[in-house]
Protein backbone atom coordinates (compact mmCIF):
# COMPACT_ATOMS: atom_id res chain seq x y z
CA MET A 1 2.89 9.34 -1.71
CA SER A 2 3.82 9.64 -5.38
CA ILE A 3 5.82 6.99 -7.23
CA SER A 4 9.21 8.33 -8.36
CA ILE A 5 10.20 7.25 -11.88
CA ALA A 6 13.34 7.49 -14.02
CA ILE A 7 13.19 7.01 -17.80
CA VAL A 8 16.17 5.55 -19.67
CA GLU A 9 15.35 5.84 -23.37
CA ASP A 10 17.49 7.12 -26.25
CA GLU A 11 14.52 7.95 -28.48
CA LYS A 12 13.95 11.57 -27.39
CA ASN A 13 10.33 11.87 -28.54
CA TYR A 14 9.27 8.67 -26.78
CA ASN A 15 11.21 9.63 -23.62
CA ASN A 16 9.53 13.05 -23.50
CA ALA A 17 6.08 11.61 -24.31
CA LEU A 18 6.43 9.16 -21.41
CA LYS A 19 7.53 11.96 -19.09
CA LYS A 20 4.60 14.16 -20.07
CA ILE A 21 1.95 11.47 -19.58
CA ILE A 22 3.47 10.24 -16.28
CA ASN A 23 3.71 13.74 -14.82
CA TYR A 24 0.05 14.28 -15.73
CA GLN A 25 -0.90 11.62 -13.13
CA ASP A 26 -1.54 12.51 -9.49
CA ASP A 27 0.27 9.50 -8.04
CA MET A 28 3.57 9.50 -9.98
CA LYS A 29 6.36 11.82 -11.03
CA VAL A 30 9.40 11.59 -13.33
CA VAL A 31 12.46 12.47 -11.22
CA ALA A 32 15.11 11.80 -13.90
CA GLN A 33 15.48 11.32 -17.67
CA TYR A 34 18.48 9.67 -19.34
CA PHE A 35 19.14 9.28 -23.04
CA ASP A 36 22.04 6.80 -22.85
CA GLY A 37 23.28 3.97 -20.65
CA ARG A 38 26.44 5.64 -19.36
CA ASP A 39 24.51 8.62 -18.00
CA ALA A 40 22.01 6.27 -16.32
CA LEU A 41 24.80 4.17 -14.75
CA GLN A 42 26.49 7.23 -13.30
CA ASN A 43 23.42 8.96 -11.93
CA LEU A 44 20.69 6.44 -11.10
CA PRO A 45 22.26 5.31 -7.78
CA ASP A 46 22.03 8.89 -6.45
CA VAL A 47 18.42 9.30 -7.61
CA SER A 48 17.26 5.87 -6.34
CA PRO A 49 13.79 5.99 -7.97
CA ASP A 50 10.95 3.58 -7.17
CA VAL A 51 10.62 2.53 -10.82
CA VAL A 52 12.89 2.73 -13.89
CA MET A 53 11.44 2.53 -17.40
CA MET A 54 14.37 1.02 -19.34
CA ASP A 55 14.87 0.78 -23.10
CA ILE A 56 16.52 -2.56 -23.92
CA GLN A 57 18.68 -1.33 -26.82
CA LEU A 58 20.39 1.97 -25.99
CA GLN A 59 22.85 3.66 -28.36
CA ASP A 60 25.88 2.92 -26.19
CA MET A 61 24.97 -0.33 -24.41
CA MET A 62 22.19 -2.82 -23.69
CA GLY A 63 19.61 -1.84 -21.07
CA ILE A 64 20.07 -5.35 -19.63
CA GLU A 65 23.70 -4.44 -18.88
CA VAL A 66 22.58 -1.32 -16.99
CA ILE A 67 20.20 -3.40 -14.83
CA GLU A 68 22.85 -6.06 -14.12
CA LYS A 69 25.28 -3.38 -12.93
CA LEU A 70 22.76 -1.42 -10.84
CA LYS A 71 20.48 -4.08 -9.32
CA LYS A 72 22.67 -4.63 -6.24
CA GLU A 73 23.05 -0.89 -5.65
CA LEU A 74 19.32 -0.31 -6.11
CA PRO A 75 17.63 -3.31 -4.45
CA ASP A 76 14.32 -1.48 -3.92
CA THR A 77 14.09 -0.06 -7.45
CA GLN A 78 11.82 -1.95 -9.87
CA PHE A 79 12.88 -2.07 -13.53
CA ILE A 80 10.40 -2.28 -16.41
CA MET A 81 11.78 -3.04 -19.86
CA CYS A 82 10.12 -0.95 -22.57
CA THR A 83 11.14 -2.26 -25.95
CA SER A 84 10.42 -3.05 -29.59
CA PHE A 85 12.10 -6.48 -29.22
CA GLU A 86 10.20 -9.66 -28.45
CA ASP A 87 12.84 -12.31 -29.11
CA ASP A 88 13.13 -14.96 -26.40
CA GLU A 89 16.76 -14.41 -25.52
CA LYS A 90 16.32 -10.69 -24.78
CA VAL A 91 13.17 -11.36 -22.75
CA PHE A 92 14.82 -13.98 -20.55
CA ASN A 93 18.11 -12.11 -20.20
CA SER A 94 16.14 -9.09 -18.99
CA LEU A 95 14.26 -11.15 -16.41
CA LYS A 96 17.47 -12.87 -15.28
CA ALA A 97 19.15 -9.48 -14.87
CA GLY A 98 16.34 -8.45 -12.52
CA ALA A 99 13.70 -6.66 -14.64
CA MET A 100 10.26 -7.08 -13.06
CA GLY A 101 8.19 -6.02 -16.07
CA TYR A 102 8.50 -6.26 -19.84
CA LEU A 103 6.38 -4.09 -22.13
CA VAL A 104 6.32 -3.84 -25.90
CA LYS A 105 6.52 -0.20 -27.05
CA GLY A 106 3.22 -0.40 -28.94
CA GLU A 107 1.31 -0.72 -25.64
CA SER A 108 -1.23 1.99 -24.83
CA MET A 109 -0.24 4.68 -22.33
CA ASP A 110 -2.97 3.35 -20.01
CA LYS A 111 -1.27 -0.06 -19.96
CA ILE A 112 2.13 1.57 -19.28
CA LEU A 113 0.71 3.65 -16.39
CA SER A 114 -1.08 0.65 -14.86
CA SER A 115 2.16 -1.37 -15.20
CA ILE A 116 4.09 1.28 -13.23
CA ARG A 117 1.49 1.11 -10.43
CA ASP A 118 1.50 -2.68 -10.61
CA VAL A 119 5.28 -3.11 -10.38
CA TYR A 120 5.45 -0.56 -7.54
CA ASN A 121 2.93 -2.66 -5.58
CA GLY A 122 4.85 -5.90 -6.10
CA GLY A 123 3.41 -7.05 -9.42
CA ALA A 124 5.24 -8.28 -12.53
CA PRO A 125 3.50 -6.61 -15.49
CA MET A 126 4.11 -7.97 -18.99
CA SER A 127 2.68 -7.49 -22.43
CA PHE A 128 0.44 -10.44 -23.28
CA SER A 129 2.76 -11.77 -26.01
CA ILE A 130 5.73 -11.66 -23.59
CA ALA A 131 3.81 -13.42 -20.80
CA ARG A 132 3.03 -16.29 -23.18
CA LYS A 133 6.71 -16.68 -24.04
CA VAL A 134 7.65 -16.79 -20.34
CA LEU A 135 5.01 -19.40 -19.54
CA SER A 136 5.95 -21.66 -22.44
CA HIS A 137 9.63 -21.33 -21.48
CA PHE A 138 8.93 -22.52 -17.93
CA GLU A 139 6.76 -25.38 -19.17
CA ARG A 140 9.74 -26.59 -21.21
CA LYS A 141 12.33 -26.12 -18.50
CA LEU A 142 11.44 -26.95 -14.90
CA PRO A 143 13.67 -25.02 -12.52
CA GLU A 144 16.20 -26.73 -10.31
CA ILE A 145 15.20 -26.68 -6.66
CA LYS A 146 17.71 -25.36 -4.20
CA GLY A 147 17.65 -23.02 -1.24
CA PHE A 148 14.26 -23.97 0.24
CA ASP A 149 15.80 -25.40 3.39
CA GLU A 150 17.38 -22.01 4.03
CA LEU A 151 14.04 -20.13 4.01
CA THR A 152 12.60 -19.11 7.39
CA GLU A 153 8.96 -19.91 8.19
CA ARG A 154 8.02 -16.25 7.64
CA GLU A 155 9.80 -16.22 4.23
CA LYS A 156 7.90 -19.39 3.22
CA GLU A 157 4.61 -17.76 4.26
CA ILE A 158 5.40 -14.66 2.19
CA LEU A 159 6.40 -16.77 -0.82
CA GLU A 160 3.11 -18.69 -0.49
CA LEU A 161 1.17 -15.38 -0.53
CA LEU A 162 3.19 -14.10 -3.52
CA SER A 163 2.31 -17.29 -5.38
CA GLN A 164 -1.37 -16.58 -4.69
CA GLY A 165 -0.97 -13.27 -6.55
CA LEU A 166 -1.02 -10.97 -3.53
CA LEU A 167 0.71 -7.60 -3.81
CA TYR A 168 3.29 -6.36 -1.29
CA LYS A 169 0.79 -4.06 0.43
CA GLU A 170 -1.75 -6.91 0.75
CA ILE A 171 0.90 -9.20 2.26
CA ALA A 172 1.91 -6.42 4.66
CA GLY A 173 -1.72 -6.04 5.77
CA LYS A 174 -2.22 -9.80 6.20
CA LYS A 175 0.99 -10.26 8.21
CA PHE A 176 0.76 -6.95 10.12
CA ILE A 177 4.18 -5.81 8.92
CA SER A 178 5.36 -2.82 6.85
CA ILE A 179 5.78 -2.92 3.06
CA ASP A 180 9.53 -2.31 3.59
CA THR A 181 9.72 -5.43 5.78
CA VAL A 182 7.92 -7.42 3.05
CA LYS A 183 10.47 -6.13 0.50
CA LYS A 184 13.37 -7.19 2.76
CA HIS A 185 11.90 -10.69 3.11
CA VAL A 186 11.40 -10.91 -0.67
CA GLY A 187 15.02 -9.85 -1.22
CA ASN A 188 16.16 -12.65 1.14
CA ILE A 189 13.93 -15.16 -0.68
CA TYR A 190 15.46 -14.23 -4.07
CA ARG A 191 18.98 -14.54 -2.66
CA LYS A 192 18.38 -17.93 -1.02
CA LEU A 193 16.57 -19.40 -4.03
CA HIS A 194 19.17 -17.98 -6.47
CA VAL A 195 16.54 -16.16 -8.51
CA ASN A 196 16.26 -12.56 -9.75
CA ASN A 197 12.53 -11.99 -9.93
CA LYS A 198 9.10 -12.97 -8.67
CA VAL A 199 8.20 -15.13 -11.69
CA GLU A 200 11.25 -17.39 -11.07
CA ALA A 201 10.66 -17.53 -7.30
CA ILE A 202 6.98 -18.52 -7.67
CA ASN A 203 7.87 -21.10 -10.28
CA LYS A 204 10.40 -22.75 -7.98
CA PHE A 205 7.88 -22.64 -5.14
CA ASN A 206 5.12 -24.29 -7.22
CA HIS A 207 7.54 -26.96 -8.46
CA PHE A 208 8.67 -27.60 -4.89
CA LYS A 209 5.05 -27.98 -3.67
CA ASN A 210 4.28 -30.51 -6.40
């Protein structure tokens, strides 16, 4: 089954280049292109793609704002930020809003394509420089623990497997459940732990274990 992708990017040449290279792959297809935030807000809920490639700084609004407004309507859609910005505040606001990946625009097309596959399978792809920022941020600021008592045994098992780096399809195979069921459990885990993404959930889990 091919991965459906929407691109939200106001730089026309980059938007079209992404579309061309993605549509050249056998396992993915661009189902929608938007060149501003308003258009994306209006139309993305009807398209409901698997993955959205989101520019952080659109002409009419911040990409972070678009994610914040759409995340509840599109719980199964994974957002990857594609951006020229690397400053800490934008990185963390994106992750808090619910972005699962964060790529710097200078990345190779191979890295972008592998990141789409990765995020679709439950990963959290990031450019190396961004990943370092995230790790140093969490070293400085240990997360507050709350919500663990609310997790069911199955949710704790799935969180444990996520923390070991397993992808959704690997967890599904291990637990003999469907990928959709894994996604539902993960959604419940995020809600109960008051987090927006896998990085935060795993961090809380590791802190709780220690």
